[in-house]
Amino acid sequence: MPAFQATCQIHLQQALPPDHLRPSRVFSQDESRFGLLTVRRRRLTAHGVQPIGSVEHVFQWFYDYGAVEPTTGERFFLALPYLNDESFQLFVDAFAAAFPDSLNLLLLDNSGAHTARRLTVPANVCFVFLPPYCPELNPIERVWHDLKDALAWLQFPNLDVQQDYMAKVLQAYEAATRQSLTGYPYLVEAIHALCS
């Protein structure tokens, strides 16, 4: 882990094509599974009082794909039914279309969906892979954790209602909040050095 932090700027620089002319932007990307199974969190109660929480045991899921720019808090989210290379391709294509004027570096993990051979990476997107088994290096993980805290103990009648609710919660996040969640100092320094 410390090795990647120390060499992050080099990894970002190596991902850039030598002849790129567009301004560069760096986004942290990942997916998280959400569903009707109730998210449980600890609750504060008086000493000796057992906390009570209603739990729904429905196993239906969807995945939120997201990318957040740690230096500005700019974001792009897309809810899709599966976590696979086809869904990731849909996300990458939509992401590239949302930021057409820049060369966008996606900092991501080594998931099979991200490394599939049949992926077609758009011309304005480059992948920068994190070391294996190091989710703590991916800043967007903090956004997912914060979002699941906001969903704790809530129940939804179906996935459509939950997706609508989550879209409103994600829209309500201010850029400064997303920036504070994802702005790891080593990464922000590397991005500023890369883009200056």
Protein backbone atom coordinates (compact mmCIF):
# COMPACT_ATOMS: atom_id res chain seq x y z
CA MET A 1 0.00 0.00 0.00
CA PRO A 2 2.61 2.67 0.91
CA ALA A 3 4.49 1.85 -2.32
CA PHE A 4 1.48 2.82 -4.43
CA GLN A 5 0.94 6.01 -2.46
CA ALA A 6 4.56 7.00 -2.99
CA THR A 7 4.45 6.24 -6.72
CA CYS A 8 0.88 7.32 -7.52
CA GLN A 9 1.98 10.22 -9.72
CA ILE A 10 4.18 7.86 -11.76
CA HIS A 11 1.27 5.43 -12.27
CA LEU A 12 -0.97 8.28 -13.43
CA GLN A 13 1.72 9.65 -15.76
CA GLN A 14 2.33 6.22 -17.30
CA ALA A 15 -1.38 5.86 -18.10
CA LEU A 16 -1.39 8.99 -20.26
CA PRO A 17 -0.87 8.45 -23.98
CA PRO A 18 2.28 10.30 -25.13
CA ASP A 19 0.44 12.42 -27.72
CA HIS A 20 -2.61 13.50 -25.70
CA LEU A 21 -3.70 17.11 -26.15
CA ARG A 22 -6.81 17.26 -23.95
CA PRO A 23 -6.74 18.41 -20.34
CA SER A 24 -6.46 15.45 -17.97
CA ARG A 25 -8.83 14.57 -15.15
CA VAL A 26 -8.58 11.75 -12.60
CA PHE A 27 -11.63 9.95 -11.22
CA SER A 28 -11.92 7.24 -8.60
CA GLN A 29 -14.23 4.49 -9.89
CA ASP A 30 -15.95 1.49 -8.31
CA GLU A 31 -19.26 -0.33 -7.99
CA SER A 32 -21.33 -1.23 -4.96
CA ARG A 33 -24.25 -3.61 -4.55
CA PHE A 34 -27.51 -2.34 -3.08
CA GLY A 35 -30.76 -4.19 -2.54
CA LEU A 36 -33.85 -4.79 -0.51
CA LEU A 37 -31.99 -6.65 2.24
CA THR A 38 -31.91 -4.08 5.06
CA VAL A 39 -28.58 -2.39 5.73
CA ARG A 40 -27.89 -2.82 9.44
CA ARG A 41 -25.76 -0.53 11.56
CA ARG A 42 -25.14 -0.14 15.27
CA ARG A 43 -27.65 1.85 17.29
CA LEU A 44 -27.22 3.83 20.48
CA THR A 45 -29.46 2.81 23.35
CA ALA A 46 -29.49 3.19 27.10
CA HIS A 47 -27.24 0.82 29.05
CA GLY A 48 -28.82 -2.61 29.23
CA VAL A 49 -31.47 -1.89 26.57
CA GLN A 50 -31.34 -4.19 23.56
CA PRO A 51 -31.64 -2.19 20.29
CA ILE A 52 -34.56 -3.12 18.05
CA GLY A 53 -34.54 -2.82 14.30
CA SER A 54 -36.89 -4.12 11.63
CA VAL A 55 -35.13 -6.12 8.92
CA GLU A 56 -36.38 -7.08 5.47
CA HIS A 57 -35.07 -10.40 4.09
CA VAL A 58 -35.59 -9.89 0.36
CA PHE A 59 -32.67 -10.83 -1.87
CA GLN A 60 -33.01 -8.56 -4.89
CA TRP A 61 -30.06 -6.42 -5.96
CA PHE A 62 -28.75 -3.79 -8.32
CA TYR A 63 -25.35 -2.17 -8.64
CA ASP A 64 -24.43 1.48 -8.51
CA TYR A 65 -21.46 2.26 -10.73
CA GLY A 66 -19.77 5.50 -9.80
CA ALA A 67 -16.83 7.77 -10.50
CA VAL A 68 -15.83 10.79 -8.40
CA GLU A 69 -13.10 13.34 -9.13
CA PRO A 70 -11.24 13.77 -5.79
CA THR A 71 -9.99 17.27 -6.56
CA THR A 72 -13.40 18.79 -7.41
CA GLY A 73 -16.09 16.39 -6.20
CA GLU A 74 -17.45 16.11 -9.76
CA ARG A 75 -19.28 12.80 -10.15
CA PHE A 76 -20.97 10.35 -12.46
CA PHE A 77 -23.25 7.54 -11.20
CA LEU A 78 -25.23 4.91 -13.07
CA ALA A 79 -27.45 2.16 -11.61
CA LEU A 80 -27.30 -1.14 -13.52
CA PRO A 81 -28.73 -4.60 -12.82
CA TYR A 82 -25.49 -6.58 -12.97
CA LEU A 83 -21.81 -6.41 -12.14
CA ASN A 84 -20.16 -7.78 -15.26
CA ASP A 85 -18.15 -6.63 -18.26
CA GLU A 86 -21.25 -5.77 -20.33
CA SER A 87 -22.60 -3.46 -17.63
CA PHE A 88 -19.16 -1.96 -17.07
CA GLN A 89 -18.94 -1.27 -20.81
CA LEU A 90 -22.27 0.60 -20.60
CA PHE A 91 -20.93 2.62 -17.68
CA VAL A 92 -17.61 3.47 -19.36
CA ASP A 93 -19.34 4.53 -22.58
CA ALA A 94 -21.81 6.76 -20.69
CA PHE A 95 -18.99 8.17 -18.55
CA ALA A 96 -16.89 9.00 -21.63
CA ALA A 97 -19.89 10.75 -23.21
CA ALA A 98 -20.47 12.79 -20.02
CA PHE A 99 -16.88 14.16 -20.06
CA PRO A 100 -16.01 14.42 -23.78
CA ASP A 101 -13.60 17.37 -23.58
CA SER A 102 -11.02 15.82 -21.27
CA LEU A 103 -8.79 12.77 -21.08
CA ASN A 104 -10.26 10.91 -18.11
CA LEU A 105 -8.13 8.59 -16.01
CA LEU A 106 -10.20 6.07 -14.06
CA LEU A 107 -8.53 4.80 -10.90
CA LEU A 108 -10.04 1.34 -10.36
CA ASP A 109 -9.54 -2.12 -8.90
CA ASN A 110 -8.69 -5.34 -10.73
CA SER A 111 -12.23 -6.71 -10.88
CA GLY A 112 -12.93 -9.16 -13.69
CA ALA A 113 -15.42 -6.67 -15.12
CA HIS A 114 -12.66 -4.05 -15.36
CA THR A 115 -10.05 -6.33 -16.92
CA ALA A 116 -12.21 -8.25 -19.42
CA ARG A 117 -10.55 -8.62 -22.80
CA ARG A 118 -13.67 -7.72 -24.74
CA LEU A 119 -13.93 -4.24 -23.20
CA THR A 120 -13.59 -1.38 -25.64
CA VAL A 121 -12.09 1.61 -23.86
CA PRO A 122 -13.24 4.95 -25.34
CA ALA A 123 -10.54 7.26 -26.72
CA ASN A 124 -10.98 9.79 -23.89
CA VAL A 125 -10.67 7.23 -21.06
CA CYS A 126 -7.59 5.51 -19.60
CA PHE A 127 -7.53 2.93 -16.80
CA VAL A 128 -5.13 3.11 -13.86
CA PHE A 129 -5.29 -0.10 -11.84
CA LEU A 130 -4.81 -0.15 -8.09
CA PRO A 131 -2.72 -2.90 -6.49
CA PRO A 132 -4.71 -6.10 -5.88
CA TYR A 133 -6.64 -6.48 -2.61
CA CYS A 134 -6.26 -2.83 -1.57
CA PRO A 135 -9.79 -1.35 -1.48
CA GLU A 136 -8.58 1.18 1.10
CA LEU A 137 -6.64 2.90 -1.71
CA ASN A 138 -9.81 3.60 -3.70
CA PRO A 139 -11.38 6.81 -2.36
CA ILE A 140 -14.86 6.13 -3.73
CA GLU A 141 -15.17 3.31 -1.18
CA ARG A 142 -15.80 6.06 1.39
CA VAL A 143 -18.74 7.35 -0.67
CA TRP A 144 -20.29 3.86 -0.71
CA HIS A 145 -19.78 3.50 3.05
CA ASP A 146 -21.37 6.91 3.68
CA LEU A 147 -24.29 6.07 1.39
CA LYS A 148 -24.92 2.75 3.16
CA ASP A 149 -24.91 4.59 6.49
CA ALA A 150 -27.64 6.85 5.07
CA LEU A 151 -29.64 3.76 4.03
CA ALA A 152 -29.28 1.99 7.38
CA TRP A 153 -32.53 0.47 8.68
CA LEU A 154 -34.58 1.85 5.77
CA GLN A 155 -36.90 -0.52 3.91
CA PHE A 156 -38.22 -0.20 0.37
CA PRO A 157 -41.17 -1.95 -1.30
CA ASN A 158 -39.18 -2.63 -4.50
CA LEU A 159 -35.91 -1.87 -6.29
CA ASP A 160 -37.39 0.97 -8.36
CA VAL A 161 -38.37 2.88 -5.23
CA GLN A 162 -34.94 2.27 -3.70
CA GLN A 163 -33.14 3.40 -6.87
CA ASP A 164 -35.21 6.61 -6.96
CA TYR A 165 -34.44 7.25 -3.29
CA MET A 166 -30.73 6.63 -3.80
CA ALA A 167 -30.64 8.90 -6.84
CA LYS A 168 -32.07 11.70 -4.68
CA VAL A 169 -29.54 11.02 -1.91
CA LEU A 170 -26.66 11.03 -4.41
CA GLN A 171 -27.94 14.26 -5.98
CA ALA A 172 -28.12 15.85 -2.52
CA TYR A 173 -24.41 15.27 -1.88
CA GLU A 174 -22.65 18.55 -2.42
CA ALA A 175 -19.42 18.60 -4.41
CA ALA A 176 -17.54 19.66 -1.27
CA THR A 177 -18.83 16.60 0.59
CA ARG A 178 -17.79 14.25 -2.22
CA GLN A 179 -14.44 16.01 -2.37
CA SER A 180 -13.88 15.64 1.38
CA LEU A 181 -14.77 11.93 1.22
CA THR A 182 -12.49 11.14 -1.72
CA GLY A 183 -9.69 13.72 -1.44
CA TYR A 184 -6.90 11.53 -0.09
CA PRO A 185 -3.90 13.87 0.31
CA TYR A 186 -1.42 11.64 -1.56
CA LEU A 187 -3.84 11.30 -4.48
CA VAL A 188 -4.73 15.00 -4.64
CA GLU A 189 -1.01 15.90 -4.64
CA ALA A 190 -0.33 13.40 -7.44
CA ILE A 191 -3.24 14.74 -9.49
CA HIS A 192 -2.14 18.37 -9.07
CA ALA A 193 1.41 17.44 -10.08
CA LEU A 194 0.11 15.56 -13.11
CA CYS A 195 -2.23 18.31 -14.29
CA SER A 196 0.01 21.31 -13.65
